[in-house]
Amino acid sequence: MNPQIQKLYTIASKAERLIIGLMSGTSMDGLDIALCSCKGSGPSTRISIAEFETIPYDDTFRSEIKSIFSKRDADLQQVCILNEMIATRHAEMILQALDKWNLSAAEVDLVASHGQTIFHAPRILHAQDQYPNATLQIGDGDHIAVKTGIITIADFRQKHVAAGGEGAPLAVYGDFLMFSDPDENRVMLNIGGIANFTFLPADGDAGRVFSTDVGPGNTLMDQYVQRYFSGSYYDKDSRLSSAGVVSHELLAELYSDPFFTSAFPKTTGPELFNLDYLTSAQERSGTTALRHEDVLATLCMLSARGIINAVKDCFSAQDKVIIYMSGGGMHNPLLVDFMKTGLPDASFKTTADLGIDPDAKEAVLFAVLANETIAGGAIDFGSRQGVPSICMGKICLPD
């Protein structure tokens, strides 16, 4: 037997696995690295975070990724080069984190790498019926495995697409295993570049669990700040948007896109919600002369409205909704205020109340998915469209 296969078998048989989860989202601010203790599998999974670190990208590296991100005319050579470069840089960051934590690579069982999404193209976006759903993440797992010496599970989203899903959101799998509770109905709301949530019914019935994107989270606001406020990467503490006034004319035009009324589950990305989308809406609504602060306030309300209406579409007025937030958007005070105003009967908490750092949650998710790939199995989510019952991730061996 190949010694690496034997090692993999040994890891799968352990009562506890030490797995590094990696996440770099559409904000491209850096690499989240979560060192997780994973015990058990399936519904008996128990996860704790041993260490967590976000290593920021420098401006040059971020600019290189942005040069091909969400672009139909991206330079194919640059895509090829960055597939290797991103993985190499991520491997270096893993080793840097391990050194800080006084751990050797030999003490880690697995790395779970999401990679860097550069284009997301489900049918709802590309609108070509003769072509399948598609998504592309780069940052090759073999490079991470070879350079760290750690078995790496990578490229999770392709199996989801192959089995009939859209490649996103994958949170439903980890959320179900980590956060289901018999005493309350939970909404796990992640506000990253795109906002999505998972509904976890108190009865634990996987057939009722679902996850969906609901619209932009931070992506439009971040893009706008980077374009018009020199030296700023995002609207820290809502200082800019709080100085503005929501334009209801622009908001109505932004919200008129068919995405918002299409059925759940659905996915989207910056391929739709970008500055061209905003410019077109301003031209149609006659709001091109708005102050920048007013535009930002309106974009913030757009993100809130997508979340509010999606929650209202899923639950009746009598349902007690407990919303657990994670992702960068939970740090936006104006966005949170808008959501609380729009959902006055909901309770808002964060995943910290459930023992998981909300800033680490997405990286932890991929550690959980890797744990299932090696030691668990497919969870039966029924035969619903968009939620295939599968394990995900490609296994990359160091040698």
Protein backbone atom coordinates (compact mmCIF):
# COMPACT_ATOMS: atom_id res chain seq x y z
CA MET A 1 0.00 0.00 0.00
CA ASN A 2 1.16 3.52 -0.76
CA PRO A 3 2.44 4.94 2.58
CA GLN A 4 0.35 8.11 2.05
CA ILE A 5 -2.81 6.01 1.66
CA GLN A 6 -1.88 4.14 4.84
CA LYS A 7 -1.41 7.49 6.58
CA LEU A 8 -4.78 8.66 5.32
CA TYR A 9 -6.40 5.48 6.67
CA THR A 10 -4.75 6.09 10.05
CA ILE A 11 -6.00 9.67 10.12
CA ALA A 12 -9.53 8.55 9.27
CA SER A 13 -9.43 6.06 12.14
CA LYS A 14 -8.36 8.58 14.79
CA ALA A 15 -10.76 9.70 17.50
CA GLU A 16 -9.61 13.30 17.02
CA ARG A 17 -8.12 14.98 13.96
CA LEU A 18 -6.24 18.27 13.82
CA ILE A 19 -7.30 20.04 10.62
CA ILE A 20 -6.33 23.44 9.25
CA GLY A 21 -9.21 25.14 7.45
CA LEU A 22 -8.39 27.88 4.93
CA MET A 23 -10.67 30.56 3.53
CA SER A 24 -10.02 33.49 1.23
CA GLY A 25 -13.24 35.16 0.18
CA THR A 26 -14.25 37.66 -2.46
CA SER A 27 -13.06 40.54 -0.26
CA MET A 28 -9.49 39.28 -0.81
CA ASP A 29 -8.33 40.94 2.41
CA GLY A 30 -6.24 37.95 3.47
CA LEU A 31 -6.17 34.25 4.31
CA ASP A 32 -8.15 32.97 7.29
CA ILE A 33 -6.33 30.03 8.90
CA ALA A 34 -8.26 28.04 11.53
CA LEU A 35 -6.61 25.15 13.36
CA CYS A 36 -9.50 22.92 14.38
CA SER A 37 -9.87 19.91 16.61
CA CYS A 38 -12.39 17.61 14.91
CA LYS A 39 -13.89 14.75 16.89
CA GLY A 40 -16.32 12.24 15.42
CA SER A 41 -18.18 12.78 12.17
CA GLY A 42 -21.69 13.28 10.85
CA PRO A 43 -24.24 14.49 13.43
CA SER A 44 -21.83 13.54 16.23
CA THR A 45 -19.16 15.96 14.97
CA ARG A 46 -17.60 18.13 17.67
CA ILE A 47 -15.46 21.07 16.59
CA SER A 48 -13.29 23.42 18.60
CA ILE A 49 -10.87 26.10 17.39
CA ALA A 50 -7.37 25.61 18.78
CA GLU A 51 -5.85 28.61 16.95
CA PHE A 52 -7.01 31.22 14.47
CA GLU A 53 -5.09 33.71 12.40
CA THR A 54 -5.86 36.01 9.49
CA ILE A 55 -2.75 36.80 7.49
CA PRO A 56 -3.41 39.87 5.34
CA TYR A 57 -2.57 40.04 1.64
CA ASP A 58 -0.21 42.79 0.62
CA ASP A 59 -1.45 45.29 -1.92
CA THR A 60 0.56 43.78 -4.78
CA PHE A 61 -0.76 40.26 -4.22
CA ARG A 62 -4.32 41.52 -3.88
CA SER A 63 -4.00 43.53 -7.09
CA GLU A 64 -2.72 40.49 -8.97
CA ILE A 65 -5.76 38.47 -7.90
CA LYS A 66 -8.12 41.32 -8.71
CA SER A 67 -6.64 41.54 -12.21
CA ILE A 68 -8.40 38.25 -13.07
CA PHE A 69 -11.20 38.20 -10.51
CA SER A 70 -14.75 38.09 -11.91
CA LYS A 71 -13.56 39.12 -15.40
CA ARG A 72 -14.82 37.42 -18.55
CA ASP A 73 -11.78 38.64 -20.46
CA ALA A 74 -9.17 37.60 -17.87
CA ASP A 75 -5.65 36.89 -19.15
CA LEU A 76 -5.48 33.09 -19.38
CA GLN A 77 -1.73 33.03 -18.76
CA GLN A 78 -2.24 35.06 -15.58
CA VAL A 79 -4.97 32.65 -14.43
CA CYS A 80 -2.56 29.77 -14.96
CA ILE A 81 0.31 31.46 -13.13
CA LEU A 82 -1.83 32.58 -10.21
CA ASN A 83 -3.26 29.09 -9.77
CA GLU A 84 0.25 28.05 -8.73
CA MET A 85 1.26 31.31 -7.04
CA ILE A 86 -1.78 31.54 -4.75
CA ALA A 87 -1.25 27.98 -3.57
CA THR A 88 2.43 28.63 -2.92
CA ARG A 89 1.64 31.80 -0.98
CA HIS A 90 -1.04 30.02 1.04
CA ALA A 91 1.41 27.23 1.88
CA GLU A 92 3.91 29.83 3.10
CA MET A 93 1.20 31.42 5.25
CA ILE A 94 0.30 28.04 6.78
CA LEU A 95 3.94 27.44 7.73
CA GLN A 96 4.16 30.98 9.11
CA ALA A 97 1.09 30.37 11.29
CA LEU A 98 2.38 27.00 12.49
CA ASP A 99 5.66 28.61 13.48
CA LYS A 100 3.78 31.25 15.46
CA TRP A 101 1.73 28.52 17.18
CA ASN A 102 4.86 26.46 17.96
CA LEU A 103 3.54 23.52 15.98
CA SER A 104 5.24 21.37 13.35
CA ALA A 105 3.55 20.35 10.11
CA ALA A 106 3.83 16.73 11.26
CA GLU A 107 1.39 17.48 14.10
CA VAL A 108 -1.36 18.51 11.65
CA ASP A 109 -3.45 15.78 10.04
CA LEU A 110 -5.01 17.67 7.13
CA VAL A 111 -5.26 21.01 5.39
CA ALA A 112 -8.69 21.93 3.99
CA SER A 113 -8.30 24.58 1.29
CA HIS A 114 -11.19 26.45 -0.31
CA GLY A 115 -8.90 28.22 -2.77
CA GLN A 116 -9.63 31.63 -4.29
CA THR A 117 -12.84 32.02 -6.25
CA ILE A 118 -12.17 33.93 -9.46
CA PHE A 119 -15.44 33.31 -11.28
CA HIS A 120 -18.85 31.94 -10.36
CA ALA A 121 -21.18 31.05 -13.24
CA PRO A 122 -24.36 29.19 -12.30
CA ARG A 123 -27.04 29.05 -14.99
CA ILE A 124 -28.98 31.80 -13.21
CA LEU A 125 -26.09 34.12 -14.10
CA HIS A 126 -24.73 32.86 -17.43
CA ALA A 127 -28.28 32.23 -18.78
CA GLN A 128 -27.16 29.64 -21.35
CA ASP A 129 -29.33 26.57 -20.98
CA GLN A 130 -27.03 24.37 -23.05
CA TYR A 131 -24.24 24.86 -20.48
CA PRO A 132 -24.10 23.55 -16.90
CA ASN A 133 -23.60 25.37 -13.63
CA ALA A 134 -19.94 26.26 -13.18
CA THR A 135 -17.57 27.82 -10.69
CA LEU A 136 -13.79 28.23 -10.58
CA GLN A 137 -11.47 28.40 -7.59
CA ILE A 138 -7.70 28.55 -8.06
CA GLY A 139 -4.82 27.85 -5.68
CA ASP A 140 -3.88 24.26 -6.50
CA GLY A 141 -4.11 21.79 -3.60
CA ASP A 142 -1.12 19.71 -4.74
CA HIS A 143 1.15 22.72 -4.32
CA ILE A 144 -0.08 23.22 -0.76
CA ALA A 145 0.40 19.53 0.05
CA VAL A 146 3.92 19.36 -1.39
CA LYS A 147 5.12 22.61 0.15
CA THR A 148 3.68 21.98 3.63
CA GLY A 149 4.09 18.21 3.73
CA ILE A 150 0.46 17.92 4.89
CA ILE A 151 -2.25 15.94 3.10
CA THR A 152 -4.55 18.57 1.60
CA ILE A 153 -8.24 18.37 0.73
CA ALA A 154 -9.10 21.03 -1.86
CA ASP A 155 -11.42 22.14 -4.66
CA PHE A 156 -14.61 21.35 -2.72
CA ARG A 157 -17.09 23.10 -4.97
CA GLN A 158 -16.60 20.99 -8.10
CA LYS A 159 -18.28 17.89 -6.60
CA HIS A 160 -21.27 20.03 -5.65
CA VAL A 161 -21.61 21.19 -9.26
CA ALA A 162 -21.04 17.68 -10.62
CA ALA A 163 -23.86 16.36 -8.42
CA GLY A 164 -26.35 18.98 -9.64
CA GLY A 165 -25.70 21.92 -7.31
CA GLU A 166 -24.44 25.39 -8.14
CA GLY A 167 -21.18 25.04 -6.20
CA ALA A 168 -22.54 27.29 -3.47
CA PRO A 169 -23.46 27.95 -0.81
CA LEU A 170 -21.69 25.07 0.93
CA ALA A 171 -22.45 26.38 4.39
CA VAL A 172 -25.49 24.11 4.66
CA TYR A 173 -23.24 21.07 5.17
CA GLY A 174 -21.07 22.47 7.93
CA ASP A 175 -23.86 24.46 9.56
CA PHE A 176 -26.01 21.34 9.87
CA LEU A 177 -23.19 19.39 11.53
CA MET A 178 -21.93 22.17 13.79
CA PHE A 179 -24.98 24.13 14.82
CA SER A 180 -28.20 22.09 14.67
CA ASP A 181 -30.02 22.20 17.99
CA PRO A 182 -33.21 20.44 19.15
CA ASP A 183 -34.36 23.44 21.18
CA GLU A 184 -34.50 26.22 18.61
CA ASN A 185 -34.93 27.05 14.93
CA ARG A 186 -31.74 28.74 13.79
CA VAL A 187 -30.77 30.95 10.87
CA MET A 188 -27.01 30.93 10.29
CA LEU A 189 -26.44 34.22 8.47
CA ASN A 190 -23.05 34.78 6.87
CA ILE A 191 -22.46 38.28 5.51
CA GLY A 192 -19.34 38.07 3.39
CA GLY A 193 -18.99 39.57 -0.07
CA ILE A 194 -22.30 37.85 -0.75
CA ALA A 195 -24.88 37.30 1.99
CA ASN A 196 -26.22 33.78 2.52
CA PHE A 197 -27.97 31.88 5.25
CA THR A 198 -28.76 28.33 6.34
CA PHE A 199 -32.04 27.39 8.03
CA LEU A 200 -31.66 24.73 10.75
CA PRO A 201 -35.00 23.43 12.04
CA ALA A 202 -35.18 22.38 15.67
CA ASP A 203 -36.41 18.90 14.69
CA GLY A 204 -33.00 18.11 13.14
CA ASP A 205 -34.62 16.90 9.90
CA ALA A 206 -31.90 17.23 7.24
CA GLY A 207 -34.64 17.15 4.61
CA ARG A 208 -35.88 20.55 5.80
CA VAL A 209 -32.46 22.18 6.02
CA PHE A 210 -31.62 24.58 3.22
CA SER A 211 -29.05 27.21 2.40
CA THR A 212 -29.19 30.04 -0.13
CA ASP A 213 -27.50 33.21 -1.25
CA VAL A 214 -29.80 36.20 -0.78
CA GLY A 215 -27.92 39.06 -2.44
CA PRO A 216 -24.90 41.30 -1.94
CA GLY A 217 -23.31 41.48 1.48
CA ASN A 218 -20.21 43.66 1.49
CA THR A 219 -19.14 43.36 -2.14
CA LEU A 220 -20.87 46.42 -3.64
CA MET A 221 -20.04 48.62 -0.66
CA ASP A 222 -16.39 47.53 -0.68
CA GLN A 223 -16.05 48.05 -4.43
CA TYR A 224 -17.55 51.53 -4.15
CA VAL A 225 -15.30 52.58 -1.25
CA GLN A 226 -12.20 51.34 -3.08
CA ARG A 227 -13.20 53.27 -6.20
CA TYR A 228 -14.18 56.61 -4.64
CA PHE A 229 -12.47 56.90 -1.25
CA SER A 230 -8.72 56.84 -1.76
CA GLY A 231 -6.78 54.91 0.86
CA SER A 232 -9.85 53.11 2.21
CA TYR A 233 -10.57 49.46 1.59
CA TYR A 234 -13.99 49.29 3.23
CA ASP A 235 -16.43 51.47 5.17
CA LYS A 236 -14.97 50.98 8.65
CA ASP A 237 -17.62 51.21 11.37
CA SER A 238 -20.10 52.56 8.76
CA ARG A 239 -18.57 56.00 9.10
CA LEU A 240 -19.13 56.89 5.45
CA SER A 241 -22.55 55.33 4.91
CA SER A 242 -23.86 56.66 8.23
CA ALA A 243 -23.25 60.18 6.88
CA GLY A 244 -25.49 59.47 3.92
CA VAL A 245 -29.21 59.24 3.21
CA VAL A 246 -30.83 56.27 1.49
CA SER A 247 -32.10 57.03 -2.01
CA HIS A 248 -35.34 55.11 -2.40
CA GLU A 249 -35.35 55.71 -6.15
CA LEU A 250 -31.94 54.09 -6.54
CA LEU A 251 -32.80 51.35 -4.03
CA ALA A 252 -35.92 50.37 -6.00
CA GLU A 253 -33.93 50.14 -9.23
CA LEU A 254 -31.15 48.10 -7.62
CA TYR A 255 -33.68 45.74 -6.10
CA SER A 256 -35.56 45.24 -9.38
CA ASP A 257 -33.09 42.61 -10.60
CA PRO A 258 -34.78 39.20 -11.16
CA PHE A 259 -32.29 37.56 -8.81
CA PHE A 260 -34.17 38.86 -5.79
CA THR A 261 -37.46 37.22 -6.77
CA SER A 262 -36.03 33.93 -8.09
CA ALA A 263 -36.68 30.78 -6.08
CA PHE A 264 -34.47 29.39 -3.32
CA PRO A 265 -31.86 27.96 -3.31
CA LYS A 266 -29.87 30.28 -5.55
CA THR A 267 -26.36 31.61 -5.79
CA THR A 268 -24.77 34.77 -7.08
CA GLY A 269 -21.54 36.75 -6.93
CA PRO A 270 -19.69 39.90 -7.99
CA GLU A 271 -20.23 38.72 -11.58
CA LEU A 272 -23.70 40.28 -11.11
CA PHE A 273 -23.34 42.65 -8.17
CA ASN A 274 -20.59 45.00 -9.33
CA LEU A 275 -20.07 48.68 -10.10
CA ASP A 276 -21.45 48.30 -13.62
CA TYR A 277 -24.66 47.01 -12.05
CA LEU A 278 -24.73 50.09 -9.80
CA THR A 279 -23.97 52.55 -12.63
CA SER A 280 -26.74 51.10 -14.78
CA ALA A 281 -29.22 51.39 -11.91
CA GLN A 282 -28.22 55.01 -11.27
CA GLU A 283 -28.68 55.90 -14.91
CA ARG A 284 -32.11 54.28 -15.07
CA SER A 285 -33.23 55.94 -11.83
CA GLY A 286 -31.76 59.37 -12.58
CA THR A 287 -29.57 59.30 -9.46
CA THR A 288 -26.10 59.78 -10.95
CA ALA A 289 -25.63 63.05 -9.02
CA LEU A 290 -25.98 61.47 -5.57
CA ARG A 291 -23.27 62.14 -3.00
CA HIS A 292 -20.94 59.20 -2.47
CA GLU A 293 -22.15 58.85 1.12
CA ASP A 294 -25.76 58.63 -0.09
CA VAL A 295 -24.83 55.90 -2.57
CA LEU A 296 -23.10 53.94 0.19
CA ALA A 297 -26.08 54.27 2.51
CA THR A 298 -28.30 52.96 -0.30
CA LEU A 299 -26.00 50.04 -1.01
CA CYS A 300 -26.02 49.20 2.68
CA MET A 301 -29.83 49.21 2.66
CA LEU A 302 -29.81 47.00 -0.46
CA SER A 303 -27.76 44.38 1.39
CA ALA A 304 -30.10 44.61 4.38
CA ARG A 305 -33.24 44.39 2.25
CA GLY A 306 -32.01 41.23 0.50
CA ILE A 307 -31.52 39.59 3.90
CA ILE A 308 -34.74 40.92 5.44
CA ASN A 309 -36.99 39.87 2.56
CA ALA A 310 -35.37 36.45 2.26
CA VAL A 311 -35.98 35.77 5.96
CA LYS A 312 -39.57 37.00 5.65
CA ASP A 313 -40.11 34.77 2.60
CA CYS A 314 -39.00 31.73 4.58
CA PHE A 315 -40.80 32.28 7.87
CA SER A 316 -44.24 33.32 8.98
CA ALA A 317 -44.84 36.20 11.36
CA GLN A 318 -45.48 33.69 14.14
CA ASP A 319 -42.11 31.95 13.79
CA LYS A 320 -39.52 32.80 16.40
CA VAL A 321 -36.40 33.44 14.34
CA ILE A 322 -32.98 33.39 15.99
CA ILE A 323 -30.30 34.71 13.65
CA TYR A 324 -26.64 33.87 14.29
CA MET A 325 -24.37 36.19 12.32
CA SER A 326 -20.86 35.68 10.98
CA GLY A 327 -18.70 37.30 8.32
CA GLY A 328 -17.39 40.81 7.86
CA GLY A 329 -20.84 42.38 7.47
CA MET A 330 -21.67 41.71 11.11
CA HIS A 331 -19.10 44.43 11.94
CA ASN A 332 -21.05 47.02 9.90
CA PRO A 333 -23.22 48.83 12.51
CA LEU A 334 -25.51 50.50 9.97
CA LEU A 335 -26.20 47.21 8.18
CA VAL A 336 -27.02 45.50 11.47
CA ASP A 337 -29.30 48.38 12.49
CA PHE A 338 -31.13 48.17 9.15
CA MET A 339 -31.64 44.41 9.62
CA LYS A 340 -32.88 44.77 13.19
CA THR A 341 -35.34 47.47 12.11
CA GLY A 342 -36.61 45.30 9.25
CA LEU A 343 -36.90 42.17 11.42
CA PRO A 344 -38.07 43.53 14.78
CA ASP A 345 -39.27 40.15 16.07
CA ALA A 346 -36.03 38.31 15.31
CA SER A 347 -33.25 37.77 17.84
CA PHE A 348 -29.77 38.64 16.56
CA LYS A 349 -26.70 36.87 17.95
CA THR A 350 -23.33 35.77 16.56
CA THR A 351 -21.72 32.34 16.25
CA ALA A 352 -19.54 33.35 19.21
CA ASP A 353 -22.63 32.53 21.28
CA LEU A 354 -22.28 28.98 19.92
CA GLY A 355 -18.57 28.71 20.63
CA ILE A 356 -17.23 29.52 17.15
CA ASP A 357 -15.43 32.79 16.40
CA PRO A 358 -17.62 34.42 13.70
CA ASP A 359 -14.56 35.65 11.81
CA ALA A 360 -13.22 32.08 11.69
CA LYS A 361 -16.48 30.36 10.81
CA GLU A 362 -15.97 30.01 7.05
CA ALA A 363 -12.48 28.54 7.49
CA VAL A 364 -13.85 26.16 10.13
CA LEU A 365 -16.55 25.08 7.66
CA PHE A 366 -13.95 23.68 5.27
CA ALA A 367 -12.19 21.85 8.08
CA VAL A 368 -15.55 20.19 8.81
CA LEU A 369 -16.06 19.30 5.14
CA ALA A 370 -12.58 17.76 4.98
CA ASN A 371 -13.30 15.80 8.14
CA GLU A 372 -16.41 14.34 6.49
CA THR A 373 -14.48 13.49 3.32
CA ILE A 374 -11.93 11.48 5.28
CA ALA A 375 -13.87 10.12 8.26
CA GLY A 376 -17.57 10.63 7.59
CA GLY A 377 -19.92 10.18 4.69
CA ALA A 378 -22.66 11.78 2.68
CA ILE A 379 -25.45 13.30 4.78
CA ASP A 380 -28.93 12.57 3.45
CA PHE A 381 -30.47 15.91 2.53
CA GLY A 382 -33.17 14.21 0.48
CA SER A 383 -33.55 14.73 -3.26
CA ARG A 384 -34.00 18.50 -3.28
CA GLN A 385 -32.47 20.51 -6.08
CA GLY A 386 -29.29 22.32 -5.11
CA VAL A 387 -28.49 20.26 -1.98
CA PRO A 388 -26.86 17.03 -3.20
CA SER A 389 -26.05 14.42 -0.55
CA ILE A 390 -22.30 14.14 -1.12
CA CYS A 391 -18.82 14.39 0.35
CA MET A 392 -16.62 17.03 -1.25
CA GLY A 393 -12.97 17.76 -1.90
CA LYS A 394 -10.07 16.33 -3.86
CA ILE A 395 -7.32 14.53 -1.93
CA CYS A 396 -3.84 15.87 -2.61
CA LEU A 397 -0.88 13.86 -1.28
CA PRO A 398 2.48 15.44 -0.35
CA ASP A 399 4.55 12.78 -2.13
